Amino acid sequence: MKLIEPSVEILTDIDNMKALKQIEQAARNCYRSEDRITEDGESARKIVKKLMSKHHNAMLEFVDIAVRLVCDIGVYKDLTRHRHCSFAIESTRYCNYKDGIHFIKPCNMPEKTSNYAVWFDTMVLIDKAYQEMVQAGAKPDQLRMLLPHSTAASVVMKANVREWRHIFELRTSTAAHPSVQQVMNMLLKEFKQKLPDLFGDL
């Protein structure tokens, strides 16, 4: 058994200005105003800002971004409720954790508390039972019945800018589960650094 922290990584090679120009191309097609495109990208920055201020967000769908998350099963179960995304998720049906299950440390249970101690002892028991079943010849699709929400999983997820903004608005809210907030706040920080014009206001 191993306890790990969640992590995030942007897989798409994204460039702020390139993304703005891609959105501008789509938007200007609607108005047949391609002649107003400037080489320096300022026209792209202006039109995207204007579109966003008027909530004309359909144009934001022309830029897709893929990420990899290492999160607990509970987090990805919440994220897969978003309909306009693509997911490739580590399969507990086919992956065998015979070398030890990785669990995500809970962010809403401080260490050295009785709740954390109960959680930790339970993860130890689950890992022990999993290894016993491995030794008895159980297959991964049988073994996965033991795995709790705290089990770590690698998730590749893709969505367009419009959907990412929607996801961040919902999943960084205090109404979201603390583990989801933790992962989405980490990811939003990365998005703000790489795409400040599209996510800097969130």
N, C-alpha and C. Protein backbone atom coordinates (compact mmCIF):
# COMPACT_ATOMS: atom_id res chain seq x y z
N MET A 1 0.85 -1.19 0.00
CA MET A 1 0.00 0.00 0.00
C MET A 1 0.88 1.24 0.00
N LYS A 2 0.43 2.26 -0.75
CA LYS A 2 1.18 3.52 -0.80
C LYS A 2 0.20 4.68 -0.79
N LEU A 3 0.48 5.69 0.04
CA LEU A 3 -0.35 6.89 0.07
C LEU A 3 0.28 7.94 -0.81
N ILE A 4 -0.51 8.54 -1.71
CA ILE A 4 0.01 9.56 -2.61
C ILE A 4 -0.90 10.79 -2.61
N GLU A 5 -0.37 11.89 -3.11
CA GLU A 5 -1.13 13.13 -3.28
C GLU A 5 -1.68 13.17 -4.70
N PRO A 6 -2.80 13.84 -4.91
CA PRO A 6 -3.30 13.99 -6.29
C PRO A 6 -2.36 14.87 -7.11
N SER A 7 -2.43 14.73 -8.42
CA SER A 7 -1.61 15.56 -9.30
C SER A 7 -2.36 15.86 -10.59
N VAL A 8 -1.94 16.91 -11.27
CA VAL A 8 -2.57 17.32 -12.53
C VAL A 8 -1.48 17.63 -13.55
N GLU A 9 -1.81 17.42 -14.82
CA GLU A 9 -0.87 17.73 -15.90
C GLU A 9 -1.68 18.07 -17.15
N ILE A 10 -1.34 19.18 -17.79
CA ILE A 10 -1.97 19.53 -19.07
C ILE A 10 -1.22 18.80 -20.17
N LEU A 11 -1.92 17.98 -20.94
CA LEU A 11 -1.29 17.19 -22.00
C LEU A 11 -1.22 17.94 -23.33
N THR A 12 -2.21 18.78 -23.59
CA THR A 12 -2.25 19.52 -24.85
C THR A 12 -1.17 20.59 -24.86
N ASP A 13 -0.47 20.68 -25.98
CA ASP A 13 0.53 21.74 -26.14
C ASP A 13 -0.21 23.02 -26.46
N ILE A 14 -0.51 23.80 -25.43
CA ILE A 14 -1.35 24.97 -25.63
C ILE A 14 -0.55 26.26 -25.55
N ASP A 15 -0.99 27.21 -26.34
CA ASP A 15 -0.38 28.53 -26.40
C ASP A 15 -1.53 29.54 -26.34
N ASN A 16 -1.44 30.47 -25.43
CA ASN A 16 -2.51 31.42 -25.19
C ASN A 16 -2.93 32.15 -26.48
N MET A 17 -1.96 32.70 -27.20
CA MET A 17 -2.29 33.47 -28.40
C MET A 17 -2.83 32.58 -29.52
N LYS A 18 -2.27 31.40 -29.66
CA LYS A 18 -2.76 30.47 -30.68
C LYS A 18 -4.23 30.11 -30.41
N ALA A 19 -4.56 29.88 -29.15
CA ALA A 19 -5.94 29.55 -28.78
C ALA A 19 -6.87 30.71 -29.09
N LEU A 20 -6.44 31.94 -28.77
CA LEU A 20 -7.26 33.12 -29.05
C LEU A 20 -7.50 33.27 -30.55
N LYS A 21 -6.45 33.06 -31.33
CA LYS A 21 -6.57 33.21 -32.79
C LYS A 21 -7.50 32.15 -33.38
N GLN A 22 -7.47 30.95 -32.81
CA GLN A 22 -8.36 29.89 -33.29
C GLN A 22 -9.82 30.25 -33.02
N ILE A 23 -10.07 30.80 -31.85
CA ILE A 23 -11.43 31.23 -31.51
C ILE A 23 -11.84 32.40 -32.41
N GLU A 24 -10.90 33.31 -32.64
CA GLU A 24 -11.20 34.46 -33.50
C GLU A 24 -11.60 34.01 -34.91
N GLN A 25 -10.86 33.06 -35.45
CA GLN A 25 -11.16 32.57 -36.81
C GLN A 25 -12.61 32.09 -36.90
N ALA A 26 -13.03 31.33 -35.89
CA ALA A 26 -14.41 30.82 -35.90
C ALA A 26 -15.41 31.96 -35.75
N ALA A 27 -15.15 32.85 -34.82
CA ALA A 27 -16.09 33.95 -34.56
C ALA A 27 -16.22 34.87 -35.76
N ARG A 28 -15.11 35.22 -36.38
CA ARG A 28 -15.15 36.16 -37.51
C ARG A 28 -15.83 35.54 -38.72
N ASN A 29 -15.82 34.22 -38.80
CA ASN A 29 -16.55 33.56 -39.87
C ASN A 29 -18.06 33.86 -39.77
N CYS A 30 -18.54 33.96 -38.54
CA CYS A 30 -19.97 34.26 -38.33
C CYS A 30 -20.33 35.64 -38.89
N TYR A 31 -19.40 36.59 -38.74
CA TYR A 31 -19.68 37.97 -39.13
C TYR A 31 -19.04 38.35 -40.47
N ARG A 32 -18.30 37.38 -41.06
CA ARG A 32 -17.54 37.63 -42.29
C ARG A 32 -16.65 38.87 -42.13
N SER A 33 -15.97 38.92 -40.98
CA SER A 33 -15.10 40.07 -40.69
C SER A 33 -13.64 39.65 -40.60
N GLU A 34 -13.25 38.64 -41.40
CA GLU A 34 -11.87 38.15 -41.39
C GLU A 34 -10.87 39.25 -41.73
N ASP A 35 -11.31 40.27 -42.46
CA ASP A 35 -10.41 41.36 -42.85
C ASP A 35 -9.94 42.18 -41.64
N ARG A 36 -10.57 41.99 -40.50
CA ARG A 36 -10.21 42.75 -39.29
C ARG A 36 -9.20 42.01 -38.42
N ILE A 37 -8.77 40.82 -38.86
CA ILE A 37 -7.77 40.04 -38.11
C ILE A 37 -6.41 40.72 -38.21
N THR A 38 -5.75 40.90 -37.08
CA THR A 38 -4.42 41.51 -37.07
C THR A 38 -3.36 40.45 -36.77
N GLU A 39 -2.20 40.63 -37.35
CA GLU A 39 -1.10 39.67 -37.21
C GLU A 39 -0.62 39.54 -35.78
N ASP A 40 -0.64 40.65 -35.04
CA ASP A 40 -0.09 40.64 -33.67
C ASP A 40 -1.01 39.96 -32.65
N GLY A 41 -2.21 39.59 -33.06
CA GLY A 41 -3.12 38.89 -32.17
C GLY A 41 -4.00 39.78 -31.31
N GLU A 42 -3.81 41.10 -31.44
CA GLU A 42 -4.62 42.00 -30.61
C GLU A 42 -6.11 41.93 -30.98
N SER A 43 -6.38 41.71 -32.27
CA SER A 43 -7.78 41.58 -32.68
C SER A 43 -8.41 40.32 -32.06
N ALA A 44 -7.61 39.27 -31.93
CA ALA A 44 -8.09 38.03 -31.31
C ALA A 44 -8.39 38.27 -29.84
N ARG A 45 -7.47 38.92 -29.17
CA ARG A 45 -7.66 39.20 -27.74
C ARG A 45 -8.92 40.03 -27.51
N LYS A 46 -9.12 41.04 -28.38
CA LYS A 46 -10.29 41.92 -28.23
C LYS A 46 -11.60 41.20 -28.48
N ILE A 47 -11.65 40.43 -29.57
CA ILE A 47 -12.93 39.79 -29.90
C ILE A 47 -13.29 38.71 -28.89
N VAL A 48 -12.28 37.98 -28.38
CA VAL A 48 -12.56 36.95 -27.38
C VAL A 48 -13.07 37.58 -26.09
N LYS A 49 -12.46 38.68 -25.72
CA LYS A 49 -12.90 39.39 -24.50
C LYS A 49 -14.35 39.86 -24.68
N LYS A 50 -14.66 40.36 -25.87
CA LYS A 50 -16.02 40.85 -26.15
C LYS A 50 -17.02 39.69 -26.14
N LEU A 51 -16.65 38.59 -26.78
CA LEU A 51 -17.53 37.42 -26.82
C LEU A 51 -17.84 36.93 -25.40
N MET A 52 -16.79 36.86 -24.57
CA MET A 52 -16.97 36.36 -23.21
C MET A 52 -17.82 37.32 -22.37
N SER A 53 -17.65 38.61 -22.58
CA SER A 53 -18.44 39.59 -21.81
C SER A 53 -19.92 39.52 -22.18
N LYS A 54 -20.21 39.09 -23.42
CA LYS A 54 -21.60 38.97 -23.88
C LYS A 54 -22.13 37.54 -23.71
N HIS A 55 -21.32 36.68 -23.09
CA HIS A 55 -21.69 35.27 -22.87
C HIS A 55 -21.98 34.53 -24.18
N HIS A 56 -21.30 34.96 -25.24
CA HIS A 56 -21.41 34.26 -26.53
C HIS A 56 -20.32 33.18 -26.52
N ASN A 57 -20.56 32.16 -25.69
CA ASN A 57 -19.52 31.19 -25.38
C ASN A 57 -19.39 30.04 -26.37
N ALA A 58 -20.29 29.97 -27.34
CA ALA A 58 -20.21 28.87 -28.31
C ALA A 58 -18.87 28.88 -29.05
N MET A 59 -18.29 30.06 -29.24
CA MET A 59 -17.02 30.15 -29.97
C MET A 59 -15.87 29.53 -29.17
N LEU A 60 -16.02 29.43 -27.84
CA LEU A 60 -14.98 28.84 -27.00
C LEU A 60 -14.87 27.34 -27.20
N GLU A 61 -15.84 26.77 -27.91
CA GLU A 61 -15.83 25.34 -28.15
C GLU A 61 -14.82 24.93 -29.22
N PHE A 62 -14.16 25.89 -29.85
CA PHE A 62 -13.23 25.59 -30.94
C PHE A 62 -11.81 25.31 -30.47
N VAL A 63 -11.60 25.28 -29.15
CA VAL A 63 -10.28 24.92 -28.60
C VAL A 63 -10.49 23.80 -27.58
N ASP A 64 -9.86 22.65 -27.84
CA ASP A 64 -9.92 21.50 -26.92
C ASP A 64 -8.65 21.42 -26.09
N ILE A 65 -8.79 20.98 -24.86
CA ILE A 65 -7.64 20.82 -23.97
C ILE A 65 -7.76 19.47 -23.26
N ALA A 66 -6.69 18.67 -23.35
CA ALA A 66 -6.64 17.37 -22.67
C ALA A 66 -5.71 17.46 -21.46
N VAL A 67 -6.09 16.78 -20.40
CA VAL A 67 -5.30 16.78 -19.17
C VAL A 67 -5.18 15.35 -18.64
N ARG A 68 -4.20 15.15 -17.76
CA ARG A 68 -4.11 13.90 -17.01
C ARG A 68 -4.23 14.24 -15.53
N LEU A 69 -5.13 13.55 -14.85
CA LEU A 69 -5.31 13.73 -13.42
C LEU A 69 -4.97 12.43 -12.72
N VAL A 70 -4.27 12.52 -11.61
CA VAL A 70 -4.16 11.39 -10.70
C VAL A 70 -5.00 11.78 -9.50
N CYS A 71 -6.12 11.09 -9.36
CA CYS A 71 -7.10 11.47 -8.35
C CYS A 71 -7.75 10.21 -7.79
N ASP A 72 -8.58 10.39 -6.78
CA ASP A 72 -9.26 9.21 -6.26
C ASP A 72 -10.49 8.89 -7.11
N ILE A 73 -10.99 7.68 -6.95
CA ILE A 73 -12.14 7.22 -7.75
C ILE A 73 -13.34 8.14 -7.54
N GLY A 74 -13.52 8.64 -6.32
CA GLY A 74 -14.63 9.55 -6.05
C GLY A 74 -14.58 10.81 -6.88
N VAL A 75 -13.37 11.35 -7.10
CA VAL A 75 -13.22 12.56 -7.91
C VAL A 75 -13.63 12.28 -9.34
N TYR A 76 -13.11 11.21 -9.93
CA TYR A 76 -13.45 11.00 -11.34
C TYR A 76 -14.90 10.61 -11.53
N LYS A 77 -15.50 10.01 -10.51
CA LYS A 77 -16.94 9.72 -10.63
C LYS A 77 -17.74 11.01 -10.72
N ASP A 78 -17.34 12.03 -9.98
CA ASP A 78 -18.01 13.34 -10.08
C ASP A 78 -17.76 13.97 -11.45
N LEU A 79 -16.52 13.88 -11.94
CA LEU A 79 -16.18 14.54 -13.20
C LEU A 79 -16.86 13.89 -14.40
N THR A 80 -17.08 12.58 -14.36
CA THR A 80 -17.70 11.92 -15.51
C THR A 80 -19.18 12.26 -15.66
N ARG A 81 -19.70 13.04 -14.74
CA ARG A 81 -21.08 13.52 -14.89
C ARG A 81 -21.17 14.64 -15.93
N HIS A 82 -20.02 15.22 -16.30
CA HIS A 82 -20.01 16.27 -17.33
C HIS A 82 -20.14 15.62 -18.70
N ARG A 83 -21.11 16.06 -19.47
CA ARG A 83 -21.51 15.36 -20.69
C ARG A 83 -20.68 15.68 -21.93
N HIS A 84 -20.02 16.81 -21.95
CA HIS A 84 -19.33 17.23 -23.18
C HIS A 84 -17.82 17.06 -23.04
N CYS A 85 -17.42 15.93 -22.50
CA CYS A 85 -16.00 15.62 -22.28
C CYS A 85 -15.71 14.23 -22.81
N SER A 86 -14.43 13.96 -23.01
CA SER A 86 -13.99 12.60 -23.34
C SER A 86 -13.11 12.11 -22.19
N PHE A 87 -13.23 10.83 -21.85
CA PHE A 87 -12.49 10.26 -20.73
C PHE A 87 -11.80 8.97 -21.14
N ALA A 88 -10.58 8.77 -20.65
CA ALA A 88 -9.86 7.50 -20.72
C ALA A 88 -9.35 7.26 -19.30
N ILE A 89 -9.93 6.26 -18.62
CA ILE A 89 -9.69 6.07 -17.20
C ILE A 89 -9.05 4.72 -16.93
N GLU A 90 -8.03 4.72 -16.08
CA GLU A 90 -7.39 3.49 -15.64
C GLU A 90 -8.47 2.49 -15.21
N SER A 91 -8.43 1.31 -15.78
CA SER A 91 -9.48 0.32 -15.54
C SER A 91 -9.15 -0.61 -14.39
N THR A 92 -9.95 -0.54 -13.33
CA THR A 92 -9.75 -1.46 -12.21
C THR A 92 -10.17 -2.88 -12.59
N ARG A 93 -10.83 -3.02 -13.72
CA ARG A 93 -11.20 -4.37 -14.18
C ARG A 93 -10.01 -5.11 -14.78
N TYR A 94 -9.08 -4.36 -15.36
CA TYR A 94 -7.94 -4.98 -16.03
C TYR A 94 -6.60 -4.75 -15.32
N CYS A 95 -6.48 -3.69 -14.54
CA CYS A 95 -5.23 -3.40 -13.83
C CYS A 95 -5.16 -4.22 -12.55
N ASN A 96 -4.00 -4.82 -12.32
CA ASN A 96 -3.81 -5.65 -11.13
C ASN A 96 -2.85 -4.91 -10.19
N TYR A 97 -3.30 -4.68 -8.96
CA TYR A 97 -2.50 -3.93 -7.98
C TYR A 97 -1.80 -4.88 -7.01
N LYS A 98 -1.23 -5.95 -7.58
CA LYS A 98 -0.57 -6.96 -6.76
C LYS A 98 0.68 -6.43 -6.06
N ASP A 99 1.21 -5.31 -6.53
CA ASP A 99 2.38 -4.71 -5.88
C ASP A 99 1.98 -3.68 -4.83
N GLY A 100 0.70 -3.58 -4.57
CA GLY A 100 0.20 -2.65 -3.56
C GLY A 100 -0.71 -1.61 -4.17
N ILE A 101 -1.83 -1.36 -3.51
CA ILE A 101 -2.78 -0.36 -3.99
C ILE A 101 -2.27 1.03 -3.61
N HIS A 102 -2.43 1.98 -4.53
CA HIS A 102 -2.13 3.38 -4.23
C HIS A 102 -3.44 4.06 -3.81
N PHE A 103 -3.38 4.72 -2.67
CA PHE A 103 -4.54 5.46 -2.18
C PHE A 103 -4.21 6.95 -2.13
N ILE A 104 -5.19 7.77 -2.44
CA ILE A 104 -5.03 9.23 -2.33
C ILE A 104 -5.33 9.62 -0.88
N LYS A 105 -4.41 10.38 -0.30
CA LYS A 105 -4.62 10.85 1.07
C LYS A 105 -5.82 11.80 1.11
N PRO A 106 -6.74 11.60 2.04
CA PRO A 106 -7.92 12.48 2.09
C PRO A 106 -7.55 13.89 2.51
N CYS A 107 -8.08 14.87 1.79
CA CYS A 107 -7.78 16.27 2.10
C CYS A 107 -8.73 16.83 3.16
N ASN A 108 -9.77 16.09 3.48
CA ASN A 108 -10.75 16.58 4.45
C ASN A 108 -10.69 15.82 5.78
N MET A 109 -9.56 15.11 6.00
CA MET A 109 -9.33 14.42 7.27
C MET A 109 -7.89 14.68 7.71
N PRO A 110 -7.67 15.59 8.62
CA PRO A 110 -6.30 15.87 9.05
C PRO A 110 -5.64 14.63 9.67
N GLU A 111 -4.35 14.46 9.38
CA GLU A 111 -3.61 13.36 10.01
C GLU A 111 -3.60 13.57 11.52
N LYS A 112 -3.35 12.52 12.24
CA LYS A 112 -3.30 12.54 13.71
C LYS A 112 -4.67 12.81 14.34
N THR A 113 -5.75 12.54 13.56
CA THR A 113 -7.09 12.60 14.13
C THR A 113 -7.63 11.17 14.17
N SER A 114 -8.64 10.94 14.98
CA SER A 114 -9.20 9.59 15.09
C SER A 114 -9.83 9.15 13.77
N ASN A 115 -10.47 10.09 13.06
CA ASN A 115 -11.07 9.73 11.76
C ASN A 115 -10.02 9.29 10.76
N TYR A 116 -8.90 10.01 10.72
CA TYR A 116 -7.82 9.64 9.80
C TYR A 116 -7.27 8.26 10.17
N ALA A 117 -7.12 8.00 11.46
CA ALA A 117 -6.59 6.71 11.92
C ALA A 117 -7.50 5.57 11.48
N VAL A 118 -8.81 5.76 11.60
CA VAL A 118 -9.77 4.73 11.16
C VAL A 118 -9.65 4.53 9.65
N TRP A 119 -9.60 5.65 8.91
CA TRP A 119 -9.47 5.56 7.44
C TRP A 119 -8.19 4.81 7.08
N PHE A 120 -7.07 5.19 7.69
CA PHE A 120 -5.77 4.58 7.38
C PHE A 120 -5.80 3.08 7.66
N ASP A 121 -6.30 2.70 8.84
CA ASP A 121 -6.35 1.27 9.20
C ASP A 121 -7.23 0.49 8.22
N THR A 122 -8.29 1.11 7.76
CA THR A 122 -9.19 0.45 6.79
C THR A 122 -8.47 0.23 5.46
N MET A 123 -7.68 1.23 5.00
CA MET A 123 -6.94 1.07 3.75
C MET A 123 -5.91 -0.05 3.87
N VAL A 124 -5.27 -0.16 5.05
CA VAL A 124 -4.31 -1.24 5.28
C VAL A 124 -5.01 -2.60 5.17
N LEU A 125 -6.19 -2.72 5.79
CA LEU A 125 -6.95 -3.97 5.73
C LEU A 125 -7.38 -4.31 4.30
N ILE A 126 -7.82 -3.29 3.56
CA ILE A 126 -8.25 -3.51 2.18
C ILE A 126 -7.08 -4.00 1.33
N ASP A 127 -5.93 -3.36 1.49
CA ASP A 127 -4.76 -3.77 0.71
C ASP A 127 -4.35 -5.20 1.08
N LYS A 128 -4.40 -5.52 2.35
CA LYS A 128 -4.05 -6.87 2.82
C LYS A 128 -5.00 -7.91 2.21
N ALA A 129 -6.31 -7.61 2.25
CA ALA A 129 -7.30 -8.53 1.68
C ALA A 129 -7.09 -8.69 0.17
N TYR A 130 -6.79 -7.58 -0.51
CA TYR A 130 -6.55 -7.60 -1.96
C TYR A 130 -5.39 -8.55 -2.27
N GLN A 131 -4.28 -8.40 -1.51
CA GLN A 131 -3.09 -9.24 -1.76
C GLN A 131 -3.38 -10.71 -1.46
N GLU A 132 -4.19 -10.97 -0.45
CA GLU A 132 -4.56 -12.36 -0.14
C GLU A 132 -5.36 -12.97 -1.29
N MET A 133 -6.26 -12.18 -1.86
CA MET A 133 -7.05 -12.68 -2.98
C MET A 133 -6.19 -12.87 -4.23
N VAL A 134 -5.19 -11.99 -4.41
CA VAL A 134 -4.24 -12.16 -5.53
C VAL A 134 -3.56 -13.51 -5.39
N GLN A 135 -3.07 -13.79 -4.18
CA GLN A 135 -2.37 -15.06 -3.93
C GLN A 135 -3.30 -16.27 -4.16
N ALA A 136 -4.58 -16.07 -3.92
CA ALA A 136 -5.56 -17.16 -4.10
C ALA A 136 -6.01 -17.29 -5.56
N GLY A 137 -5.46 -16.44 -6.43
CA GLY A 137 -5.75 -16.56 -7.86
C GLY A 137 -6.91 -15.72 -8.37
N ALA A 138 -7.37 -14.75 -7.57
CA ALA A 138 -8.47 -13.88 -8.01
C ALA A 138 -8.02 -13.02 -9.19
N LYS A 139 -8.96 -12.77 -10.11
CA LYS A 139 -8.69 -11.92 -11.27
C LYS A 139 -9.00 -10.46 -10.93
N PRO A 140 -8.40 -9.49 -11.68
CA PRO A 140 -8.67 -8.08 -11.39
C PRO A 140 -10.14 -7.70 -11.36
N ASP A 141 -10.98 -8.34 -12.21
CA ASP A 141 -12.39 -7.96 -12.19
C ASP A 141 -13.11 -8.48 -10.94
N GLN A 142 -12.49 -9.42 -10.22
CA GLN A 142 -12.99 -9.83 -8.91
C GLN A 142 -12.39 -8.95 -7.82
N LEU A 143 -11.11 -8.66 -7.96
CA LEU A 143 -10.39 -7.87 -6.96
C LEU A 143 -10.93 -6.45 -6.83
N ARG A 144 -11.42 -5.91 -7.94
CA ARG A 144 -11.86 -4.51 -7.90
C ARG A 144 -13.05 -4.30 -6.97
N MET A 145 -13.74 -5.36 -6.60
CA MET A 145 -14.88 -5.24 -5.70
C MET A 145 -14.45 -4.75 -4.31
N LEU A 146 -13.16 -4.85 -4.02
CA LEU A 146 -12.64 -4.40 -2.73
C LEU A 146 -12.27 -2.92 -2.71
N LEU A 147 -12.13 -2.31 -3.89
CA LEU A 147 -11.52 -0.98 -3.96
C LEU A 147 -12.47 0.14 -3.52
N PRO A 148 -12.02 0.99 -2.60
CA PRO A 148 -12.84 2.10 -2.11
C PRO A 148 -12.66 3.36 -2.95
N HIS A 149 -13.43 4.39 -2.65
CA HIS A 149 -13.32 5.67 -3.34
C HIS A 149 -11.92 6.28 -3.24
N SER A 150 -11.17 5.96 -2.21
CA SER A 150 -9.84 6.54 -2.00
C SER A 150 -8.77 5.96 -2.94
N THR A 151 -9.11 4.92 -3.69
CA THR A 151 -8.15 4.32 -4.62
C THR A 151 -7.71 5.34 -5.66
N ALA A 152 -6.40 5.43 -5.89
CA ALA A 152 -5.87 6.37 -6.89
C ALA A 152 -6.12 5.83 -8.30
N ALA A 153 -6.39 6.73 -9.22
CA ALA A 153 -6.60 6.34 -10.61
C ALA A 153 -6.05 7.43 -11.53
N SER A 154 -5.51 7.01 -12.66
CA SER A 154 -5.04 7.95 -13.68
C SER A 154 -6.19 8.19 -14.66
N VAL A 155 -6.51 9.46 -14.88
CA VAL A 155 -7.62 9.85 -15.73
C VAL A 155 -7.13 10.82 -16.80
N VAL A 156 -7.34 10.49 -18.06
CA VAL A 156 -7.10 11.44 -19.15
C VAL A 156 -8.47 11.98 -19.54
N MET A 157 -8.56 13.29 -19.59
CA MET A 157 -9.85 13.95 -19.81
C MET A 157 -9.68 15.07 -20.82
N LYS A 158 -10.62 15.19 -21.76
CA LYS A 158 -10.55 16.25 -22.77
C LYS A 158 -11.89 16.98 -22.82
N ALA A 159 -11.80 18.31 -22.91
CA ALA A 159 -13.00 19.13 -23.06
C ALA A 159 -12.61 20.40 -23.79
N ASN A 160 -13.60 21.10 -24.32
CA ASN A 160 -13.31 22.39 -24.95
C ASN A 160 -13.31 23.48 -23.89
N VAL A 161 -12.85 24.65 -24.26
CA VAL A 161 -12.70 25.75 -23.31
C VAL A 161 -14.02 26.10 -22.64
N ARG A 162 -15.09 26.11 -23.42
CA ARG A 162 -16.39 26.44 -22.83
C ARG A 162 -16.75 25.46 -21.71
N GLU A 163 -16.55 24.17 -21.97
CA GLU A 163 -16.90 23.16 -20.97
C GLU A 163 -15.95 23.23 -19.77
N TRP A 164 -14.65 23.48 -20.03
CA TRP A 164 -13.72 23.61 -18.91
C TRP A 164 -14.14 24.75 -17.98
N ARG A 165 -14.56 25.87 -18.55
CA ARG A 165 -15.01 26.99 -17.72
C ARG A 165 -16.21 26.56 -16.86
N HIS A 166 -17.12 25.83 -17.46
CA HIS A 166 -18.29 25.35 -16.72
C HIS A 166 -17.87 24.39 -15.60
N ILE A 167 -16.96 23.49 -15.92
CA ILE A 167 -16.46 22.53 -14.92
C ILE A 167 -15.82 23.27 -13.75
N PHE A 168 -14.97 24.24 -14.05
CA PHE A 168 -14.29 24.97 -12.97
C PHE A 168 -15.29 25.75 -12.12
N GLU A 169 -16.29 26.33 -12.76
CA GLU A 169 -17.29 27.09 -12.00
C GLU A 169 -18.01 26.19 -11.00
N LEU A 170 -18.32 24.96 -11.42
CA LEU A 170 -19.03 24.02 -10.53
C LEU A 170 -18.10 23.33 -9.54
N ARG A 171 -16.95 22.90 -10.00
CA ARG A 171 -16.12 22.00 -9.20
C ARG A 171 -15.07 22.69 -8.33
N THR A 172 -14.92 24.00 -8.47
CA THR A 172 -14.08 24.73 -7.50
C THR A 172 -14.95 25.42 -6.46
N SER A 173 -16.25 25.31 -6.60
CA SER A 173 -17.20 25.89 -5.65
C SER A 173 -17.12 25.14 -4.32
N THR A 174 -17.45 25.84 -3.24
CA THR A 174 -17.45 25.20 -1.93
C THR A 174 -18.55 24.14 -1.82
N ALA A 175 -19.49 24.12 -2.77
CA ALA A 175 -20.53 23.08 -2.78
C ALA A 175 -20.00 21.75 -3.30
N ALA A 176 -18.86 21.77 -3.99
CA ALA A 176 -18.27 20.53 -4.51
C ALA A 176 -17.58 19.77 -3.38
N HIS A 177 -17.39 18.47 -3.57
CA HIS A 177 -16.70 17.66 -2.57
C HIS A 177 -15.27 18.20 -2.40
N PRO A 178 -14.74 18.22 -1.17
CA PRO A 178 -13.39 18.76 -0.95
C PRO A 178 -12.30 18.16 -1.83
N SER A 179 -12.38 16.85 -2.11
CA SER A 179 -11.36 16.22 -2.96
C SER A 179 -11.44 16.72 -4.40
N VAL A 180 -12.67 16.95 -4.88
CA VAL A 180 -12.86 17.49 -6.23
C VAL A 180 -12.34 18.93 -6.27
N GLN A 181 -12.68 19.72 -5.27
CA GLN A 181 -12.19 21.10 -5.19
C GLN A 181 -10.66 21.12 -5.24
N GLN A 182 -10.04 20.24 -4.46
CA GLN A 182 -8.58 20.20 -4.39
C GLN A 182 -7.96 19.99 -5.77
N VAL A 183 -8.45 19.00 -6.50
CA VAL A 183 -7.90 18.67 -7.82
C VAL A 183 -8.21 19.78 -8.83
N MET A 184 -9.45 20.26 -8.84
CA MET A 184 -9.84 21.27 -9.81
C MET A 184 -9.17 22.62 -9.55
N ASN A 185 -8.93 22.96 -8.29
CA ASN A 185 -8.19 24.20 -8.00
C ASN A 185 -6.74 24.10 -8.48
N MET A 186 -6.14 22.91 -8.33
CA MET A 186 -4.78 22.70 -8.85
C MET A 186 -4.76 22.87 -10.37
N LEU A 187 -5.77 22.30 -11.03
CA LEU A 187 -5.82 22.36 -12.49
C LEU A 187 -6.13 23.78 -12.97
N LEU A 188 -7.05 24.45 -12.30
CA LEU A 188 -7.38 25.83 -12.68
C LEU A 188 -6.16 26.73 -12.60
N LYS A 189 -5.34 26.54 -11.60
CA LYS A 189 -4.10 27.33 -11.47
C LYS A 189 -3.22 27.16 -12.71
N GLU A 190 -3.12 25.92 -13.21
CA GLU A 190 -2.34 25.65 -14.43
C GLU A 190 -2.97 26.32 -15.65
N PHE A 191 -4.29 26.23 -15.75
CA PHE A 191 -4.99 26.85 -16.87
C PHE A 191 -4.80 28.37 -16.86
N LYS A 192 -4.88 28.97 -15.69
CA LYS A 192 -4.71 30.43 -15.59
C LYS A 192 -3.32 30.86 -16.03
N GLN A 193 -2.31 30.06 -15.70
CA GLN A 193 -0.94 30.39 -16.10
C GLN A 193 -0.75 30.28 -17.60
N LYS A 194 -1.34 29.24 -18.20
CA LYS A 194 -1.11 28.99 -19.63
C LYS A 194 -2.10 29.71 -20.54
N LEU A 195 -3.32 29.97 -20.04
CA LEU A 195 -4.35 30.61 -20.85
C LEU A 195 -5.02 31.73 -20.05
N PRO A 196 -4.26 32.77 -19.72
CA PRO A 196 -4.81 33.83 -18.86
C PRO A 196 -6.01 34.57 -19.45
N ASP A 197 -6.04 34.70 -20.76
CA ASP A 197 -7.18 35.42 -21.39
C ASP A 197 -8.47 34.62 -21.32
N LEU A 198 -8.36 33.31 -21.22
CA LEU A 198 -9.55 32.47 -21.24
C LEU A 198 -9.99 31.99 -19.85
N PHE A 199 -9.06 32.02 -18.89
CA PHE A 199 -9.39 31.51 -17.55
C PHE A 199 -9.01 32.45 -16.41
N GLY A 200 -8.40 33.57 -16.75
CA GLY A 200 -7.92 34.49 -15.71
C GLY A 200 -9.01 35.11 -14.87
N ASP A 201 -10.24 35.13 -15.37
CA ASP A 201 -11.34 35.75 -14.61
C ASP A 201 -12.00 34.80 -13.63
N LEU A 202 -11.61 33.52 -13.66
CA LEU A 202 -12.25 32.54 -12.77
C LEU A 202 -11.55 32.49 -11.42
